[in-house]
């Protein structure tokens, strides 16, 4: 009852593009499917990203190429989906620039053949917390001006070189500013501020605070602060 399609970006050697949360200096991607027809839902499945760039101005994303799978549910499963994708993504060599484009594709109902590039991208996903041997997660919150300060402490073996803890808040009209991640033995700690576009933040929904640890080698989907 669903399609798996994908957006493929092929970049010049040495160029990069960004993950859904681009890090310290990257440009967040914006992708819309609002012009599509016979489309009920679409979910972007982000492959495992890496950290790149100088230590002071690091970013999170993909080098040289990206195959970005899309899980598509049509309104009418017996009819084709006219998929239209409007995107603005950041691409970067030494200077980062936004690239805007529109792509369209008709997805026929009942197609069974698998595409090897999409299969490979689906396999290349972040490790689970269990696979990475996460032992404990501790989240603490405190009001700070009009924002909410968050401190997260993970008992987690090394994921790879240049680890950063990415913290996202899955709530409209909110954004997260990060500080550096610090490691001491098996303890990885990070602090962040959850900000609201307008007005102060009174409370935080722990289940919507999403945590991912990314390194230059691999990444781990930790989950959220309700676990």
N, C-alpha and C. Protein backbone atom coordinates (compact mmCIF):
# COMPACT_ATOMS: atom_id res chain seq x y z
N UNK A 1 0.80 -1.22 0.00
CA UNK A 1 0.00 0.00 0.00
C UNK A 1 0.83 1.27 0.00
N UNK A 2 2.16 1.15 0.02
CA UNK A 2 3.01 2.35 -0.02
C UNK A 2 4.04 2.22 -1.14
N UNK A 3 4.59 3.37 -1.54
CA UNK A 3 5.71 3.42 -2.47
C UNK A 3 6.96 3.82 -1.68
N UNK A 4 8.11 3.36 -2.13
CA UNK A 4 9.38 3.92 -1.69
C UNK A 4 10.04 4.53 -2.92
N UNK A 5 10.08 5.85 -2.96
CA UNK A 5 10.80 6.56 -4.01
C UNK A 5 12.04 7.18 -3.35
N UNK A 6 12.83 7.94 -4.11
CA UNK A 6 13.99 8.60 -3.51
C UNK A 6 14.40 9.81 -4.32
N UNK A 7 14.97 10.78 -3.63
CA UNK A 7 15.63 11.92 -4.24
C UNK A 7 17.13 11.62 -4.26
N UNK A 8 17.76 11.71 -5.44
CA UNK A 8 19.19 11.48 -5.54
C UNK A 8 19.90 12.79 -5.89
N UNK A 9 20.85 13.18 -5.04
CA UNK A 9 21.69 14.34 -5.29
C UNK A 9 23.11 13.85 -5.57
N UNK A 10 23.65 14.19 -6.72
CA UNK A 10 25.02 13.85 -7.06
C UNK A 10 25.82 15.15 -7.10
N UNK A 11 26.79 15.28 -6.21
CA UNK A 11 27.55 16.51 -6.05
C UNK A 11 28.94 16.35 -6.66
N UNK A 12 29.55 17.47 -6.99
CA UNK A 12 30.94 17.45 -7.43
C UNK A 12 31.82 16.94 -6.28
N UNK A 13 32.95 16.35 -6.61
CA UNK A 13 33.86 15.81 -5.60
C UNK A 13 34.25 16.89 -4.60
N UNK A 14 34.12 16.56 -3.31
CA UNK A 14 34.46 17.50 -2.26
C UNK A 14 33.30 18.36 -1.79
N UNK A 15 32.17 18.32 -2.50
CA UNK A 15 31.00 19.11 -2.09
C UNK A 15 30.16 18.30 -1.10
N UNK A 16 29.35 19.01 -0.34
CA UNK A 16 28.55 18.41 0.73
C UNK A 16 27.14 18.99 0.71
N UNK A 17 26.23 18.25 1.32
CA UNK A 17 24.89 18.76 1.58
C UNK A 17 24.49 18.35 3.00
N UNK A 18 23.36 18.85 3.48
CA UNK A 18 23.11 18.79 4.91
C UNK A 18 21.98 17.84 5.31
N UNK A 19 22.09 17.36 6.53
CA UNK A 19 21.09 16.52 7.20
C UNK A 19 19.90 17.40 7.60
N UNK A 20 18.85 16.76 8.12
CA UNK A 20 17.64 17.53 8.49
C UNK A 20 17.92 18.60 9.54
N UNK A 21 18.91 18.34 10.43
CA UNK A 21 19.41 19.34 11.37
C UNK A 21 20.87 19.56 11.03
N UNK A 22 21.23 20.70 10.43
CA UNK A 22 22.53 20.81 9.77
C UNK A 22 23.72 21.09 10.66
N UNK A 23 23.49 21.35 11.96
CA UNK A 23 24.61 21.61 12.84
C UNK A 23 24.92 23.07 12.99
N UNK A 24 26.18 23.37 13.31
CA UNK A 24 26.58 24.71 13.73
C UNK A 24 26.45 25.74 12.62
N UNK A 25 26.79 25.37 11.38
CA UNK A 25 26.87 26.38 10.33
C UNK A 25 26.10 26.03 9.05
N UNK A 26 25.48 24.86 8.97
CA UNK A 26 24.83 24.43 7.74
C UNK A 26 23.48 25.10 7.50
N UNK A 27 22.94 24.85 6.32
CA UNK A 27 21.62 25.36 5.94
C UNK A 27 20.60 24.23 6.06
N UNK A 28 19.53 24.40 6.85
CA UNK A 28 18.54 23.33 6.97
C UNK A 28 17.78 23.13 5.67
N UNK A 29 17.60 21.88 5.24
CA UNK A 29 16.84 21.64 4.00
C UNK A 29 15.35 21.87 4.20
N UNK A 30 14.70 22.38 3.15
CA UNK A 30 13.25 22.57 3.15
C UNK A 30 12.69 21.82 1.94
N UNK A 31 11.82 20.84 2.19
CA UNK A 31 11.27 20.01 1.13
C UNK A 31 9.76 19.97 1.27
N UNK A 32 9.05 20.31 0.21
CA UNK A 32 7.59 20.35 0.22
C UNK A 32 7.03 19.44 -0.88
N UNK A 33 5.92 18.78 -0.55
CA UNK A 33 5.23 17.92 -1.52
C UNK A 33 3.80 18.42 -1.74
N UNK A 34 3.54 19.68 -1.43
CA UNK A 34 2.17 20.21 -1.42
C UNK A 34 1.52 20.25 -2.80
N UNK A 35 2.32 20.24 -3.86
CA UNK A 35 1.76 20.28 -5.22
C UNK A 35 1.48 18.90 -5.79
N UNK A 36 1.72 17.85 -5.01
CA UNK A 36 1.50 16.48 -5.48
C UNK A 36 0.01 16.15 -5.54
N UNK A 37 -0.33 15.12 -6.33
CA UNK A 37 -1.71 14.66 -6.46
C UNK A 37 -1.80 13.18 -6.07
N UNK A 38 -2.92 12.82 -5.47
CA UNK A 38 -3.16 11.47 -4.94
C UNK A 38 -2.13 11.09 -3.89
N UNK A 39 -1.71 12.07 -3.09
CA UNK A 39 -0.73 11.84 -2.04
C UNK A 39 -1.40 12.03 -0.68
N UNK A 40 -1.40 10.97 0.14
CA UNK A 40 -1.95 11.06 1.49
C UNK A 40 -0.88 11.50 2.48
N UNK A 41 0.22 10.77 2.54
CA UNK A 41 1.33 11.14 3.43
C UNK A 41 2.65 10.81 2.75
N UNK A 42 3.71 11.48 3.21
CA UNK A 42 5.07 11.16 2.76
C UNK A 42 6.00 11.33 3.96
N UNK A 43 6.88 10.37 4.17
CA UNK A 43 7.84 10.43 5.26
C UNK A 43 9.25 10.31 4.69
N UNK A 44 10.09 11.28 5.03
CA UNK A 44 11.48 11.26 4.60
C UNK A 44 12.27 10.34 5.53
N UNK A 45 13.04 9.42 4.97
CA UNK A 45 13.86 8.49 5.75
C UNK A 45 15.32 8.89 5.57
N UNK A 46 15.87 9.58 6.56
CA UNK A 46 17.22 10.14 6.45
C UNK A 46 18.27 9.06 6.69
N UNK A 47 19.18 8.84 5.74
CA UNK A 47 20.30 7.92 5.98
C UNK A 47 21.23 8.46 7.07
N UNK A 48 22.12 7.61 7.54
CA UNK A 48 23.05 7.98 8.60
C UNK A 48 23.98 9.10 8.12
N UNK A 49 24.01 10.25 8.83
CA UNK A 49 24.88 11.36 8.43
C UNK A 49 26.24 11.28 9.11
N UNK A 50 27.13 12.21 8.76
CA UNK A 50 28.44 12.31 9.41
C UNK A 50 28.71 13.78 9.74
N UNK A 51 29.68 14.00 10.63
CA UNK A 51 30.15 15.34 10.97
C UNK A 51 31.30 15.72 10.04
N UNK A 52 31.29 16.95 9.54
CA UNK A 52 32.41 17.42 8.72
C UNK A 52 32.65 18.91 8.98
N UNK A 53 33.76 19.40 8.46
CA UNK A 53 34.13 20.80 8.62
C UNK A 53 35.07 21.03 9.79
N UNK A 54 35.64 22.24 9.91
CA UNK A 54 36.52 22.56 11.03
C UNK A 54 35.81 22.42 12.37
N UNK A 55 36.59 22.22 13.43
CA UNK A 55 36.03 21.98 14.76
C UNK A 55 35.14 23.13 15.21
N UNK A 56 35.50 24.37 14.87
CA UNK A 56 34.75 25.52 15.35
C UNK A 56 33.47 25.77 14.55
N UNK A 57 33.42 25.29 13.30
CA UNK A 57 32.25 25.56 12.44
C UNK A 57 31.80 24.27 11.77
N UNK A 58 31.55 23.24 12.60
CA UNK A 58 31.18 21.92 12.09
C UNK A 58 29.75 21.91 11.56
N UNK A 59 29.48 20.93 10.72
CA UNK A 59 28.15 20.71 10.18
C UNK A 59 27.89 19.21 10.13
N UNK A 60 26.64 18.85 9.86
CA UNK A 60 26.23 17.45 9.79
C UNK A 60 25.53 17.21 8.46
N UNK A 61 25.95 16.17 7.74
CA UNK A 61 25.31 15.91 6.46
C UNK A 61 25.97 14.78 5.70
N UNK A 62 26.13 15.00 4.38
CA UNK A 62 26.55 13.94 3.46
C UNK A 62 27.57 14.49 2.48
N UNK A 63 28.57 13.67 2.15
CA UNK A 63 29.62 14.07 1.22
C UNK A 63 29.39 13.45 -0.15
N UNK A 64 29.60 14.20 -1.18
CA UNK A 64 29.64 13.75 -2.58
C UNK A 64 28.29 13.34 -3.16
N UNK A 65 27.45 12.63 -2.39
CA UNK A 65 26.16 12.21 -2.94
C UNK A 65 25.20 11.90 -1.79
N UNK A 66 23.92 11.89 -2.13
CA UNK A 66 22.87 11.55 -1.17
C UNK A 66 21.73 10.89 -1.92
N UNK A 67 21.30 9.73 -1.44
CA UNK A 67 20.05 9.12 -1.88
C UNK A 67 19.10 9.16 -0.69
N UNK A 68 18.01 9.93 -0.83
CA UNK A 68 17.11 10.23 0.28
C UNK A 68 15.77 9.51 0.06
N UNK A 69 15.53 8.38 0.73
CA UNK A 69 14.29 7.63 0.50
C UNK A 69 13.05 8.38 1.02
N UNK A 70 11.94 8.15 0.32
CA UNK A 70 10.65 8.77 0.64
C UNK A 70 9.60 7.65 0.72
N UNK A 71 8.98 7.50 1.88
CA UNK A 71 7.91 6.52 2.02
C UNK A 71 6.57 7.21 1.75
N UNK A 72 5.91 6.80 0.68
CA UNK A 72 4.74 7.52 0.15
C UNK A 72 3.49 6.66 0.28
N UNK A 73 2.46 7.23 0.87
CA UNK A 73 1.16 6.57 0.97
C UNK A 73 0.16 7.33 0.11
N UNK A 74 -0.41 6.69 -0.91
CA UNK A 74 -1.39 7.37 -1.76
C UNK A 74 -2.77 7.41 -1.12
N UNK A 75 -3.57 8.36 -1.55
CA UNK A 75 -4.98 8.39 -1.12
C UNK A 75 -5.74 7.21 -1.73
N UNK A 76 -5.54 6.99 -3.02
CA UNK A 76 -6.16 5.88 -3.74
C UNK A 76 -5.03 4.93 -4.16
N UNK A 77 -4.95 3.75 -3.53
CA UNK A 77 -3.84 2.85 -3.79
C UNK A 77 -3.88 2.23 -5.19
N UNK A 78 -5.02 2.30 -5.84
CA UNK A 78 -5.13 1.72 -7.19
C UNK A 78 -4.74 2.71 -8.28
N UNK A 79 -4.50 3.97 -7.91
CA UNK A 79 -4.19 5.02 -8.90
C UNK A 79 -2.75 5.49 -8.75
N UNK A 80 -2.17 6.05 -9.82
CA UNK A 80 -0.81 6.58 -9.73
C UNK A 80 -0.73 7.78 -8.77
N UNK A 81 0.47 8.02 -8.27
CA UNK A 81 0.75 9.22 -7.48
C UNK A 81 1.55 10.17 -8.37
N UNK A 82 1.04 11.39 -8.55
CA UNK A 82 1.78 12.42 -9.28
C UNK A 82 2.59 13.19 -8.24
N UNK A 83 3.82 12.78 -8.04
CA UNK A 83 4.66 13.34 -6.98
C UNK A 83 5.41 14.56 -7.50
N UNK A 84 5.24 15.68 -6.80
CA UNK A 84 5.99 16.90 -7.10
C UNK A 84 6.74 17.33 -5.86
N UNK A 85 8.03 17.54 -6.00
CA UNK A 85 8.91 17.88 -4.88
C UNK A 85 9.51 19.26 -5.13
N UNK A 86 9.24 20.19 -4.23
CA UNK A 86 9.86 21.52 -4.26
C UNK A 86 10.87 21.58 -3.13
N UNK A 87 12.12 21.89 -3.44
CA UNK A 87 13.18 21.80 -2.43
C UNK A 87 14.10 23.00 -2.46
N UNK A 88 14.63 23.31 -1.28
CA UNK A 88 15.76 24.22 -1.12
C UNK A 88 16.74 23.51 -0.20
N UNK A 89 17.91 23.18 -0.71
CA UNK A 89 18.93 22.49 0.08
C UNK A 89 20.22 23.29 0.03
N UNK A 90 21.00 23.20 1.09
CA UNK A 90 22.31 23.83 1.10
C UNK A 90 23.35 22.90 0.54
N UNK A 91 24.20 23.41 -0.35
CA UNK A 91 25.34 22.65 -0.84
C UNK A 91 26.60 23.47 -0.56
N UNK A 92 27.70 22.77 -0.28
CA UNK A 92 28.85 23.47 0.27
C UNK A 92 30.14 22.83 -0.18
N UNK A 93 31.09 23.65 -0.64
CA UNK A 93 32.49 23.24 -0.76
C UNK A 93 33.24 24.06 0.29
N UNK A 94 33.76 25.22 -0.09
CA UNK A 94 34.33 26.14 0.89
C UNK A 94 33.30 27.19 1.32
N UNK A 95 32.40 27.53 0.41
CA UNK A 95 31.31 28.47 0.68
C UNK A 95 30.00 27.74 0.46
N UNK A 96 29.05 27.95 1.36
CA UNK A 96 27.76 27.27 1.28
C UNK A 96 26.74 28.13 0.54
N UNK A 97 26.00 27.51 -0.35
CA UNK A 97 25.00 28.22 -1.13
C UNK A 97 23.69 27.43 -1.14
N UNK A 98 22.53 28.10 -1.21
CA UNK A 98 21.27 27.38 -1.33
C UNK A 98 20.99 27.00 -2.78
N UNK A 99 20.47 25.81 -2.98
CA UNK A 99 20.07 25.35 -4.31
C UNK A 99 18.58 25.04 -4.29
N UNK A 100 17.83 25.66 -5.18
CA UNK A 100 16.38 25.46 -5.26
C UNK A 100 16.04 24.71 -6.53
N UNK A 101 15.11 23.76 -6.43
CA UNK A 101 14.71 23.01 -7.61
C UNK A 101 13.35 22.36 -7.38
N UNK A 102 12.70 21.99 -8.48
CA UNK A 102 11.43 21.27 -8.47
C UNK A 102 11.58 20.02 -9.33
N UNK A 103 11.15 18.88 -8.81
CA UNK A 103 11.19 17.62 -9.53
C UNK A 103 9.80 16.99 -9.51
N UNK A 104 9.47 16.24 -10.55
CA UNK A 104 8.18 15.56 -10.58
C UNK A 104 8.35 14.17 -11.17
N UNK A 105 7.53 13.26 -10.69
CA UNK A 105 7.59 11.87 -11.14
C UNK A 105 6.22 11.23 -10.92
N UNK A 106 5.74 10.47 -11.90
CA UNK A 106 4.50 9.72 -11.71
C UNK A 106 4.85 8.32 -11.24
N UNK A 107 4.31 7.93 -10.09
CA UNK A 107 4.57 6.62 -9.50
C UNK A 107 3.37 5.72 -9.77
N UNK A 108 3.59 4.69 -10.57
CA UNK A 108 2.50 3.80 -10.96
C UNK A 108 2.14 2.86 -9.81
N UNK A 109 0.87 2.52 -9.70
CA UNK A 109 0.41 1.57 -8.68
C UNK A 109 0.89 0.16 -9.03
N UNK A 110 1.21 -0.61 -8.01
CA UNK A 110 1.50 -2.03 -8.21
C UNK A 110 2.92 -2.36 -8.64
N UNK A 111 3.82 -1.38 -8.68
CA UNK A 111 5.20 -1.67 -9.07
C UNK A 111 5.91 -2.40 -7.93
N UNK A 112 6.56 -3.51 -8.22
CA UNK A 112 7.18 -4.35 -7.19
C UNK A 112 8.71 -4.32 -7.23
N UNK A 113 9.29 -3.94 -8.36
CA UNK A 113 10.74 -4.04 -8.52
C UNK A 113 11.48 -3.09 -7.58
N UNK A 114 12.51 -3.61 -6.93
CA UNK A 114 13.31 -2.79 -6.01
C UNK A 114 14.46 -2.13 -6.75
N UNK A 115 14.77 -0.90 -6.36
CA UNK A 115 15.89 -0.19 -6.95
C UNK A 115 17.09 -0.33 -6.01
N UNK A 116 18.25 -0.80 -6.50
CA UNK A 116 19.38 -1.08 -5.61
C UNK A 116 19.88 0.15 -4.84
N UNK A 117 19.83 1.34 -5.44
CA UNK A 117 20.29 2.54 -4.73
C UNK A 117 19.39 2.86 -3.54
N UNK A 118 18.08 2.65 -3.71
CA UNK A 118 17.15 2.91 -2.61
C UNK A 118 17.33 1.87 -1.51
N UNK A 119 17.52 0.62 -1.89
CA UNK A 119 17.75 -0.44 -0.90
C UNK A 119 18.99 -0.12 -0.07
N UNK A 120 20.08 0.31 -0.75
CA UNK A 120 21.32 0.64 -0.04
C UNK A 120 21.12 1.81 0.92
N UNK A 121 20.34 2.81 0.50
CA UNK A 121 20.10 3.97 1.36
C UNK A 121 19.27 3.59 2.58
N UNK A 122 18.32 2.67 2.42
CA UNK A 122 17.49 2.22 3.54
C UNK A 122 18.31 1.42 4.55
N UNK A 123 19.31 0.68 4.05
CA UNK A 123 20.18 -0.08 4.94
C UNK A 123 21.11 0.85 5.72
N UNK A 124 21.52 1.95 5.08
CA UNK A 124 22.45 2.89 5.69
C UNK A 124 21.72 3.82 6.65
N UNK A 125 21.24 3.27 7.75
CA UNK A 125 20.51 4.06 8.73
C UNK A 125 21.29 4.13 10.04
N UNK A 126 21.00 5.12 10.89
CA UNK A 126 21.70 5.18 12.18
C UNK A 126 21.49 3.91 13.00
N UNK A 127 22.48 3.57 13.82
CA UNK A 127 22.33 2.46 14.74
C UNK A 127 21.22 2.79 15.75
N UNK A 128 20.61 1.75 16.28
CA UNK A 128 19.66 1.96 17.38
C UNK A 128 20.43 2.13 18.68
N UNK A 129 19.74 2.64 19.70
CA UNK A 129 20.36 2.80 21.02
C UNK A 129 20.83 1.45 21.55
N UNK A 130 20.06 0.40 21.31
CA UNK A 130 20.44 -0.93 21.78
C UNK A 130 21.69 -1.42 21.06
N UNK A 131 21.75 -1.24 19.74
CA UNK A 131 22.92 -1.67 18.98
C UNK A 131 24.18 -0.94 19.43
N UNK A 132 24.03 0.30 19.87
CA UNK A 132 25.18 1.10 20.31
C UNK A 132 25.50 0.90 21.80
N UNK A 133 24.72 0.04 22.47
CA UNK A 133 24.94 -0.28 23.89
C UNK A 133 24.73 0.92 24.81
N UNK A 134 23.68 1.71 24.52
CA UNK A 134 23.29 2.79 25.43
C UNK A 134 22.84 2.19 26.76
N UNK A 135 23.42 2.65 27.86
CA UNK A 135 23.06 2.13 29.18
C UNK A 135 22.07 3.01 29.91
N UNK A 136 22.18 4.35 29.72
CA UNK A 136 21.31 5.25 30.48
C UNK A 136 21.21 6.59 29.77
N UNK A 137 20.07 7.24 29.95
CA UNK A 137 19.85 8.59 29.45
C UNK A 137 19.21 9.42 30.55
N UNK A 138 19.76 10.59 30.78
CA UNK A 138 19.24 11.48 31.81
C UNK A 138 19.02 12.86 31.20
N UNK A 139 17.80 13.37 31.29
CA UNK A 139 17.45 14.69 30.75
C UNK A 139 16.99 15.60 31.89
N UNK A 140 17.56 16.79 31.96
CA UNK A 140 17.12 17.76 32.97
C UNK A 140 16.79 19.08 32.28
N UNK A 141 15.82 19.80 32.84
CA UNK A 141 15.29 21.01 32.21
C UNK A 141 15.25 22.14 33.24
N UNK A 142 15.51 23.37 32.77
CA UNK A 142 15.39 24.53 33.64
C UNK A 142 15.05 25.75 32.79
N UNK A 143 14.07 26.58 33.22
CA UNK A 143 13.75 27.80 32.47
C UNK A 143 14.94 28.75 32.43
N UNK A 144 15.14 29.38 31.27
CA UNK A 144 16.24 30.33 31.09
C UNK A 144 15.76 31.48 30.21
N UNK A 145 15.50 32.62 30.82
CA UNK A 145 14.89 33.76 30.11
C UNK A 145 13.56 33.29 29.51
N UNK A 146 13.40 33.45 28.20
CA UNK A 146 12.17 33.00 27.55
C UNK A 146 12.31 31.61 26.94
N UNK A 147 13.48 30.98 27.14
CA UNK A 147 13.74 29.66 26.56
C UNK A 147 13.75 28.60 27.65
N UNK A 148 14.03 27.36 27.24
CA UNK A 148 14.16 26.24 28.17
C UNK A 148 15.54 25.62 27.97
N UNK A 149 16.34 25.62 29.03
CA UNK A 149 17.65 24.98 28.97
C UNK A 149 17.51 23.48 29.18
N UNK A 150 18.24 22.71 28.39
CA UNK A 150 18.18 21.25 28.46
C UNK A 150 19.59 20.73 28.63
N UNK A 151 19.77 19.81 29.56
CA UNK A 151 21.04 19.11 29.72
C UNK A 151 20.78 17.62 29.57
N UNK A 152 21.51 16.98 28.67
CA UNK A 152 21.33 15.54 28.42
C UNK A 152 22.64 14.83 28.67
N UNK A 153 22.56 13.76 29.45
CA UNK A 153 23.73 12.96 29.78
C UNK A 153 23.46 11.51 29.36
N UNK A 154 24.33 11.00 28.50
CA UNK A 154 24.19 9.63 28.00
C UNK A 154 25.33 8.77 28.52
N UNK A 155 25.00 7.58 28.98
CA UNK A 155 26.02 6.57 29.27
C UNK A 155 26.11 5.70 28.02
N UNK A 156 27.13 5.99 27.20
CA UNK A 156 27.20 5.44 25.85
C UNK A 156 28.66 5.26 25.43
N UNK A 157 29.06 4.07 24.98
CA UNK A 157 30.43 3.89 24.46
C UNK A 157 30.68 4.81 23.26
N UNK A 158 31.94 5.02 22.93
CA UNK A 158 32.30 5.90 21.82
C UNK A 158 31.61 5.45 20.52
N UNK A 159 31.04 6.41 19.82
CA UNK A 159 30.40 6.15 18.53
C UNK A 159 31.41 6.28 17.40
N UNK A 160 32.37 7.20 17.55
CA UNK A 160 33.38 7.43 16.54
C UNK A 160 34.13 8.70 16.86
N UNK A 161 34.93 9.18 15.92
CA UNK A 161 35.67 10.42 16.11
C UNK A 161 34.74 11.63 15.97
N UNK A 162 35.06 12.71 16.67
CA UNK A 162 34.33 13.98 16.56
C UNK A 162 32.84 13.81 16.84
N UNK A 163 32.51 13.27 17.97
CA UNK A 163 31.11 13.05 18.34
C UNK A 163 30.41 14.37 18.65
N UNK A 164 29.18 14.51 18.18
CA UNK A 164 28.31 15.61 18.59
C UNK A 164 26.93 15.03 18.88
N UNK A 165 26.29 15.57 19.89
CA UNK A 165 24.93 15.16 20.21
C UNK A 165 23.96 16.16 19.59
N UNK A 166 23.17 15.71 18.64
CA UNK A 166 22.19 16.55 17.98
C UNK A 166 20.87 16.45 18.73
N UNK A 167 20.30 17.59 19.09
CA UNK A 167 19.06 17.65 19.85
C UNK A 167 18.04 18.42 19.02
N UNK A 168 16.91 17.79 18.74
CA UNK A 168 15.84 18.42 17.97
C UNK A 168 14.56 18.42 18.79
N UNK A 169 13.75 19.45 18.61
CA UNK A 169 12.45 19.51 19.27
C UNK A 169 11.37 19.49 18.20
N UNK A 170 10.63 18.39 18.14
CA UNK A 170 9.68 18.16 17.05
C UNK A 170 8.34 18.83 17.35
N UNK A 171 8.38 20.15 17.33
CA UNK A 171 7.19 20.96 17.60
C UNK A 171 7.27 22.19 16.70
N UNK A 172 6.19 22.53 15.97
CA UNK A 172 6.24 23.70 15.10
C UNK A 172 6.57 24.97 15.87
N UNK A 173 7.23 25.90 15.18
CA UNK A 173 7.55 27.23 15.73
C UNK A 173 8.52 27.18 16.90
N UNK A 174 9.33 26.14 16.97
CA UNK A 174 10.38 26.02 17.98
C UNK A 174 11.70 25.71 17.28
N UNK A 175 12.80 26.13 17.88
CA UNK A 175 14.13 25.79 17.34
C UNK A 175 15.09 25.60 18.50
N UNK A 176 16.18 24.87 18.22
CA UNK A 176 17.13 24.46 19.26
C UNK A 176 18.51 25.03 18.94
N UNK A 177 19.12 25.68 19.93
CA UNK A 177 20.52 26.10 19.81
C UNK A 177 21.36 25.18 20.67
N UNK A 178 22.48 24.70 20.10
CA UNK A 178 23.29 23.68 20.75
C UNK A 178 24.58 24.26 21.29
N UNK A 179 25.12 23.62 22.33
CA UNK A 179 26.47 23.89 22.76
C UNK A 179 27.33 22.67 22.40
N UNK A 180 28.60 22.72 22.72
CA UNK A 180 29.48 21.60 22.38
C UNK A 180 29.15 20.37 23.22
N UNK A 181 29.41 19.20 22.64
CA UNK A 181 29.27 17.94 23.38
C UNK A 181 30.59 17.62 24.07
N UNK A 182 30.51 17.09 25.27
CA UNK A 182 31.70 16.75 26.05
C UNK A 182 31.65 15.28 26.44
N UNK A 183 32.79 14.60 26.34
CA UNK A 183 32.84 13.19 26.73
C UNK A 183 33.85 13.00 27.85
N UNK A 184 33.46 12.18 28.84
CA UNK A 184 34.35 11.74 29.91
C UNK A 184 34.12 10.26 30.11
N UNK A 185 35.04 9.44 29.59
CA UNK A 185 34.84 8.00 29.65
C UNK A 185 33.64 7.58 28.82
N UNK A 186 32.70 6.89 29.45
CA UNK A 186 31.49 6.45 28.75
C UNK A 186 30.35 7.46 28.88
N UNK A 187 30.60 8.63 29.44
CA UNK A 187 29.55 9.64 29.63
C UNK A 187 29.69 10.73 28.57
N UNK A 188 28.65 10.91 27.78
CA UNK A 188 28.59 11.98 26.78
C UNK A 188 27.52 12.98 27.21
N UNK A 189 27.90 14.25 27.31
CA UNK A 189 27.00 15.29 27.83
C UNK A 189 26.87 16.41 26.81
N UNK A 190 25.67 16.96 26.71
CA UNK A 190 25.45 18.13 25.85
C UNK A 190 24.38 19.01 26.49
N UNK A 191 24.45 20.29 26.18
CA UNK A 191 23.45 21.24 26.63
C UNK A 191 22.86 21.95 25.43
N UNK A 192 21.61 22.39 25.57
CA UNK A 192 20.93 23.07 24.48
C UNK A 192 19.88 24.02 25.06
N UNK A 193 19.43 24.92 24.22
CA UNK A 193 18.32 25.80 24.57
C UNK A 193 17.21 25.61 23.54
N UNK A 194 16.03 25.31 24.03
CA UNK A 194 14.86 25.21 23.16
C UNK A 194 14.19 26.58 23.14
N UNK A 195 14.08 27.16 21.96
CA UNK A 195 13.53 28.50 21.80
C UNK A 195 12.21 28.45 21.04
N UNK A 196 11.39 29.43 21.30
CA UNK A 196 10.10 29.54 20.60
C UNK A 196 10.14 30.76 19.71
N UNK A 197 9.51 30.66 18.53
CA UNK A 197 9.52 31.77 17.58
C UNK A 197 8.92 33.02 18.18
N UNK A 198 7.83 32.88 18.95
CA UNK A 198 7.21 34.03 19.60
C UNK A 198 6.71 33.62 20.98
N UNK A 199 7.05 34.40 21.99
CA UNK A 199 6.58 34.14 23.34
C UNK A 199 7.47 33.18 24.10
N UNK A 200 7.38 33.20 25.43
CA UNK A 200 8.22 32.33 26.26
C UNK A 200 7.76 30.88 26.22
N UNK A 201 8.66 29.97 26.57
CA UNK A 201 8.35 28.55 26.68
C UNK A 201 8.01 28.23 28.14
N UNK A 202 6.85 27.67 28.34
CA UNK A 202 6.40 27.35 29.70
C UNK A 202 6.74 25.90 30.05
N UNK A 203 6.63 25.01 29.08
CA UNK A 203 6.87 23.59 29.35
C UNK A 203 7.44 22.92 28.11
N UNK A 204 7.98 21.71 28.31
CA UNK A 204 8.56 20.90 27.25
C UNK A 204 7.91 19.53 27.26
N UNK A 205 7.56 19.02 26.06
CA UNK A 205 7.07 17.65 25.94
C UNK A 205 8.28 16.74 25.73
N UNK A 206 8.58 15.95 26.75
CA UNK A 206 9.80 15.14 26.72
C UNK A 206 9.84 14.19 25.53
N UNK A 207 8.68 13.69 25.11
CA UNK A 207 8.63 12.71 24.02
C UNK A 207 8.96 13.34 22.67
N UNK A 208 8.95 14.69 22.58
CA UNK A 208 9.23 15.35 21.31
C UNK A 208 10.66 15.87 21.22
N UNK A 209 11.45 15.61 22.24
CA UNK A 209 12.86 16.01 22.23
C UNK A 209 13.66 14.83 21.67
N UNK A 210 14.13 14.95 20.45
CA UNK A 210 14.75 13.85 19.72
C UNK A 210 16.27 13.97 19.78
N UNK A 211 16.95 12.87 20.06
CA UNK A 211 18.39 12.88 20.30
C UNK A 211 19.08 11.93 19.32
N UNK A 212 20.11 12.43 18.65
CA UNK A 212 20.94 11.63 17.75
C UNK A 212 22.40 11.95 18.02
N UNK A 213 23.23 10.94 18.16
CA UNK A 213 24.67 11.15 18.29
C UNK A 213 25.30 10.88 16.93
N UNK A 214 26.05 11.88 16.44
CA UNK A 214 26.67 11.79 15.12
C UNK A 214 28.17 11.96 15.27
N UNK A 215 28.93 11.17 14.54
CA UNK A 215 30.39 11.30 14.52
C UNK A 215 30.86 11.37 13.07
N UNK A 216 32.16 11.41 12.88
CA UNK A 216 32.71 11.41 11.52
C UNK A 216 32.65 10.02 10.90
N UNK A 217 32.25 9.00 11.70
CA UNK A 217 32.24 7.61 11.22
C UNK A 217 30.84 7.00 11.17
N UNK A 218 29.98 7.35 12.14
CA UNK A 218 28.69 6.67 12.29
C UNK A 218 27.75 7.55 13.09
N UNK A 219 26.50 7.09 13.24
CA UNK A 219 25.52 7.82 14.04
C UNK A 219 24.62 6.84 14.78
N UNK A 220 23.99 7.34 15.85
CA UNK A 220 23.11 6.52 16.68
C UNK A 220 21.82 7.29 16.94
N UNK A 221 20.68 6.65 16.67
CA UNK A 221 19.38 7.21 17.01
C UNK A 221 19.06 6.86 18.46
N UNK A 222 19.25 7.81 19.36
CA UNK A 222 19.08 7.56 20.80
C UNK A 222 17.62 7.43 21.18
N UNK A 223 16.76 8.20 20.52
CA UNK A 223 15.34 8.21 20.89
C UNK A 223 14.99 9.57 21.48
N UNK A 224 14.18 9.56 22.54
CA UNK A 224 13.77 10.82 23.14
C UNK A 224 13.89 10.76 24.66
N UNK A 225 13.53 11.86 25.31
CA UNK A 225 13.74 11.96 26.75
C UNK A 225 12.64 11.29 27.57
N UNK A 226 11.68 10.67 26.92
CA UNK A 226 10.66 9.95 27.69
C UNK A 226 11.09 8.53 28.01
N UNK A 227 12.23 8.09 27.45
CA UNK A 227 12.73 6.73 27.66
C UNK A 227 13.79 6.71 28.75
